[in-house]
Amino acid sequence: MRMRQYAPMFPRTALVTGSASGIGAALVDLLRGEGAEVQDLDLAGGFDVSDPNAWEAVGPVELACLNAGVLTGENDMTRLTIDAYRRILGANVDGVVFGVRRLATVMERGSSIVATASLAGLVSAPGDPIYTLTKHAVIGFVRSVAPQLAERGIRINAVAPGFVETPMVDPKPFVDAGFPLLQPGAVAEAAIAAGRSSETGQAWVVQPGREPVQFSFPRVPGPRDASGASVGAPPRFFS
């Protein structure tokens, strides 16, 4: 009699930042529901993702969901405070960079990182320009760091959800306009699927009523030489 072979569970261990509410809480619930051992890391529990020293205590996991994020709530640059600016950079950008820097040294081959970005990282979002800046930074970083992580056997991807019904979003204007909001669980499912994907350096768009889709980035026109002929590939700094 032939025994049925089951694929090993992935992930068996995970961490989630920004785990106290919204997408982070949904990620923790889904992962634990599947039997994973999950570290839930949140400022409410004393873990500051913007503190590089805090990351030094983090050990290896198979899946890291770098999800912590905040808004400024300000669309007028003349009213943006320095404190609000530093806070959002710390949570949204430093929390990803310091997390990846640490995880790259402790994760084993076959592990995976997923960063929560946003559609605001792919399009303009005038309602909060600094939030938009940080999410563009996350997607650019994920795409750019992927090759060196791949050399270590680690995958990294981003999820870019539209508007999500979380404590950061006032649902009333959306309800009044008949515009559907994503539920945190749908984004969590997409993030885990991205973490299990064999792809790396990709951004997965998540929208209500649609399956997550890998975003296709446009190609940038290349240079031409003095004769007008296309020039070959540049040094590795770009790709």
Protein backbone atom coordinates (compact mmCIF):
# COMPACT_ATOMS: atom_id res chain seq x y z
CA MET A 1 0.00 0.00 0.00
CA ARG A 2 1.44 3.39 -1.00
CA MET A 3 1.51 5.89 1.84
CA ARG A 4 0.26 9.37 1.06
CA GLN A 5 3.00 11.98 1.42
CA TYR A 6 2.09 15.28 3.05
CA ALA A 7 4.05 18.47 2.43
CA PRO A 8 5.69 19.82 5.58
CA MET A 9 3.80 22.63 7.26
CA PHE A 10 5.04 26.12 6.47
CA PRO A 11 5.50 28.10 8.50
CA ARG A 12 6.05 26.24 11.73
CA THR A 13 7.40 29.42 13.34
CA ALA A 14 6.54 33.03 12.57
CA LEU A 15 6.67 36.57 13.85
CA VAL A 16 4.26 39.41 13.23
CA THR A 17 4.93 43.08 13.95
CA GLY A 18 2.05 45.44 14.57
CA SER A 19 0.24 42.41 15.94
CA ALA A 20 -2.16 44.05 18.40
CA SER A 21 -4.90 44.98 15.93
CA GLY A 22 -6.02 45.07 12.31
CA ILE A 23 -4.02 43.08 9.77
CA GLY A 24 -1.42 42.09 12.36
CA ALA A 25 -3.99 40.55 14.70
CA ALA A 26 -5.58 38.72 11.76
CA LEU A 27 -2.16 37.34 10.79
CA VAL A 28 -1.54 36.07 14.30
CA ASP A 29 -4.97 34.41 14.43
CA LEU A 30 -4.55 32.72 11.03
CA LEU A 31 -1.04 31.47 11.71
CA ARG A 32 -1.85 30.15 15.17
CA GLY A 33 -5.01 28.59 13.78
CA GLU A 34 -2.79 26.63 11.39
CA GLY A 35 -0.62 25.44 14.27
CA ALA A 36 2.33 27.82 13.90
CA GLU A 37 4.26 29.14 16.87
CA VAL A 38 3.94 32.93 16.53
CA GLN A 39 5.81 35.79 18.18
CA ASP A 40 3.45 38.77 18.32
CA LEU A 41 5.54 41.94 18.43
CA ASP A 42 3.81 45.25 19.02
CA LEU A 43 4.50 48.60 20.65
CA ALA A 44 1.58 47.85 22.98
CA GLY A 45 3.60 44.90 24.27
CA GLY A 46 6.85 46.85 24.55
CA PHE A 47 8.44 46.05 21.18
CA ASP A 48 9.43 49.14 19.18
CA VAL A 49 10.14 48.18 15.57
CA SER A 50 12.05 51.43 15.04
CA ASP A 51 14.60 50.48 17.73
CA PRO A 52 17.50 48.53 16.18
CA ASN A 53 18.50 47.23 19.61
CA ALA A 54 15.10 45.60 20.08
CA TRP A 55 15.65 43.56 16.92
CA GLU A 56 18.88 42.09 18.31
CA ALA A 57 16.81 39.89 20.63
CA VAL A 58 14.80 38.40 17.73
CA GLY A 59 15.74 34.89 16.67
CA PRO A 60 15.09 32.88 13.50
CA VAL A 61 11.59 32.11 12.25
CA GLU A 62 10.38 30.55 9.02
CA LEU A 63 8.03 33.44 8.17
CA ALA A 64 8.37 37.06 9.26
CA CYS A 65 5.46 39.42 8.61
CA LEU A 66 6.75 42.99 8.93
CA ASN A 67 3.39 44.64 9.27
CA ALA A 68 3.68 47.52 11.76
CA GLY A 69 2.57 50.84 10.34
CA VAL A 70 0.96 54.17 11.16
CA LEU A 71 -0.51 57.18 9.36
CA THR A 72 0.23 60.86 9.86
CA GLY A 73 -3.42 61.74 9.21
CA GLU A 74 -2.23 64.96 7.60
CA ASN A 75 -2.56 65.98 3.97
CA ASP A 76 -1.26 69.54 4.35
CA MET A 77 2.53 69.57 4.35
CA THR A 78 2.59 72.97 6.05
CA ARG A 79 0.90 71.42 9.11
CA LEU A 80 3.05 68.27 9.27
CA THR A 81 4.92 68.15 12.57
CA ILE A 82 8.46 66.86 12.91
CA ASP A 83 7.32 64.39 15.57
CA ALA A 84 4.66 62.94 13.26
CA TYR A 85 7.21 62.70 10.44
CA ARG A 86 9.82 60.91 12.57
CA ARG A 87 7.18 58.59 14.05
CA ILE A 88 5.91 57.37 10.69
CA LEU A 89 9.40 56.89 9.27
CA GLY A 90 10.32 54.87 12.34
CA ALA A 91 7.31 52.58 12.19
CA ASN A 92 6.85 52.21 8.45
CA VAL A 93 10.41 52.30 7.11
CA ASP A 94 12.84 51.64 9.97
CA GLY A 95 10.65 48.78 11.17
CA VAL A 96 11.10 47.02 7.84
CA VAL A 97 14.77 47.88 7.29
CA PHE A 98 15.93 46.96 10.81
CA GLY A 99 13.78 43.83 10.72
CA VAL A 100 15.27 42.64 7.45
CA ARG A 101 18.79 43.53 8.57
CA ARG A 102 18.41 41.29 11.63
CA LEU A 103 16.45 38.50 9.99
CA ALA A 104 18.96 38.20 7.14
CA THR A 105 21.56 37.15 9.70
CA VAL A 106 19.46 34.59 11.60
CA MET A 107 16.92 33.10 9.18
CA GLU A 108 17.67 29.74 7.63
CA ARG A 109 17.51 28.95 3.92
CA GLY A 110 13.93 28.49 2.74
CA SER A 111 12.58 31.16 5.08
CA SER A 112 10.42 34.04 3.93
CA ILE A 113 9.71 37.68 4.77
CA VAL A 114 6.55 39.59 3.85
CA ALA A 115 6.27 43.36 4.29
CA THR A 116 2.89 45.04 4.45
CA ALA A 117 2.96 47.93 2.01
CA SER A 118 -0.12 49.53 0.44
CA LEU A 119 -1.62 50.61 -2.85
CA ALA A 120 -0.24 53.96 -1.69
CA GLY A 121 3.15 52.46 -2.49
CA LEU A 122 2.17 52.01 -6.14
CA VAL A 123 0.02 55.07 -6.85
CA SER A 124 -0.31 58.59 -5.50
CA ALA A 125 -2.36 59.06 -2.33
CA PRO A 126 -2.72 62.82 -1.69
CA GLY A 127 -4.66 62.24 1.52
CA ASP A 128 -1.41 61.42 3.37
CA PRO A 129 1.70 62.16 1.27
CA ILE A 130 4.16 60.99 3.93
CA TYR A 131 2.39 57.66 4.37
CA THR A 132 2.61 57.36 0.59
CA LEU A 133 6.33 58.12 0.73
CA THR A 134 6.92 55.36 3.28
CA LYS A 135 5.00 52.73 1.34
CA HIS A 136 6.82 53.57 -1.90
CA ALA A 137 10.00 53.13 0.14
CA VAL A 138 8.90 49.71 1.40
CA ILE A 139 8.13 48.41 -2.09
CA GLY A 140 11.35 49.83 -3.54
CA PHE A 141 13.34 48.29 -0.69
CA VAL A 142 11.70 44.87 -1.07
CA ARG A 143 12.43 44.79 -4.79
CA SER A 144 16.00 45.98 -4.32
CA VAL A 145 17.03 43.76 -1.38
CA ALA A 146 15.50 40.58 -2.85
CA PRO A 147 18.57 39.51 -4.90
CA GLN A 148 20.97 39.59 -1.95
CA LEU A 149 18.49 37.76 0.29
CA ALA A 150 18.03 35.17 -2.46
CA GLU A 151 21.75 34.44 -2.21
CA ARG A 152 21.08 33.51 1.42
CA GLY A 153 18.08 31.38 0.43
CA ILE A 154 15.55 33.85 1.87
CA ARG A 155 12.53 35.14 -0.06
CA ILE A 156 10.99 38.59 0.45
CA ASN A 157 7.76 40.00 -0.96
CA ALA A 158 5.32 42.80 -0.25
CA VAL A 159 1.55 42.94 -0.13
CA ALA A 160 -0.12 46.13 -1.30
CA PRO A 161 -3.71 46.24 -0.06
CA GLY A 162 -6.26 48.90 -0.86
CA PHE A 163 -8.34 50.45 1.91
CA VAL A 164 -8.70 48.07 4.86
CA GLU A 165 -11.21 48.25 7.68
CA THR A 166 -8.78 48.73 10.56
CA PRO A 167 -8.57 51.16 13.50
CA MET A 168 -6.53 53.49 11.25
CA VAL A 169 -9.41 53.98 8.79
CA ASP A 170 -12.74 55.73 9.40
CA PRO A 171 -15.23 53.48 7.57
CA LYS A 172 -18.09 56.00 7.40
CA PRO A 173 -17.00 57.87 4.23
CA PHE A 174 -16.53 54.55 2.44
CA VAL A 175 -19.89 53.20 3.57
CA ASP A 176 -21.59 56.44 2.51
CA ALA A 177 -19.94 56.21 -0.92
CA GLY A 178 -20.75 52.51 -1.34
CA PHE A 179 -17.03 51.74 -1.63
CA PRO A 180 -16.07 48.28 -0.29
CA LEU A 181 -13.37 47.97 2.32
CA LEU A 182 -11.04 45.01 2.63
CA GLN A 183 -11.28 42.95 5.79
CA PRO A 184 -8.01 42.38 7.69
CA GLY A 185 -8.38 38.62 7.31
CA ALA A 186 -8.31 38.89 3.51
CA VAL A 187 -5.03 40.81 3.63
CA ALA A 188 -3.60 38.34 6.14
CA GLU A 189 -4.46 35.45 3.82
CA ALA A 190 -2.76 37.25 0.93
CA ALA A 191 0.34 37.92 3.04
CA ILE A 192 0.67 34.28 4.05
CA ALA A 193 0.18 33.20 0.42
CA ALA A 194 2.93 35.62 -0.62
CA GLY A 195 5.16 34.17 2.09
CA ARG A 196 4.59 30.67 0.76
CA SER A 197 5.16 31.69 -2.85
CA SER A 198 8.37 30.71 -4.60
CA GLU A 199 8.55 34.27 -5.95
CA THR A 200 10.74 36.96 -4.44
CA GLY A 201 10.97 40.72 -4.83
CA GLN A 202 7.32 41.02 -5.86
CA ALA A 203 4.40 43.20 -4.78
CA TRP A 204 0.99 41.55 -4.54
CA VAL A 205 -2.03 43.84 -4.96
CA VAL A 206 -5.01 43.02 -2.73
CA GLN A 207 -8.40 44.51 -3.57
CA PRO A 208 -11.97 43.67 -2.47
CA GLY A 209 -13.63 41.04 -4.64
CA ARG A 210 -10.41 40.07 -6.42
CA GLU A 211 -7.77 37.41 -5.97
CA PRO A 212 -4.36 38.84 -5.01
CA VAL A 213 -2.40 39.62 -8.16
CA GLN A 214 1.31 40.13 -8.71
CA PHE A 215 1.85 43.72 -9.80
CA SER A 216 3.57 44.18 -13.15
CA PHE A 217 6.04 47.03 -12.95
CA PRO A 218 6.60 49.00 -16.17
CA ARG A 219 10.03 48.94 -17.75
CA VAL A 220 11.97 52.20 -17.64
CA PRO A 221 13.30 53.39 -21.03
CA GLY A 222 17.04 52.77 -21.23
CA PRO A 223 19.77 55.11 -22.48
CA ARG A 224 21.09 55.36 -26.02
CA ASP A 225 24.63 56.04 -27.16
CA ALA A 226 25.79 58.86 -29.43
CA SER A 227 24.68 56.92 -32.50
CA GLY A 228 21.20 56.41 -31.11
CA ALA A 229 21.65 52.69 -30.42
CA SER A 230 20.37 51.15 -27.19
CA VAL A 231 23.02 50.65 -24.52
CA GLY A 232 23.45 47.34 -22.70
CA ALA A 233 22.74 46.58 -19.08
CA PRO A 234 24.20 48.97 -16.46
CA PRO A 235 26.39 47.90 -13.53
CA ARG A 236 24.67 45.82 -10.87
CA PHE A 237 23.63 48.93 -8.91
CA PHE A 238 20.53 48.91 -11.13
CA SER A 239 18.59 46.03 -12.68
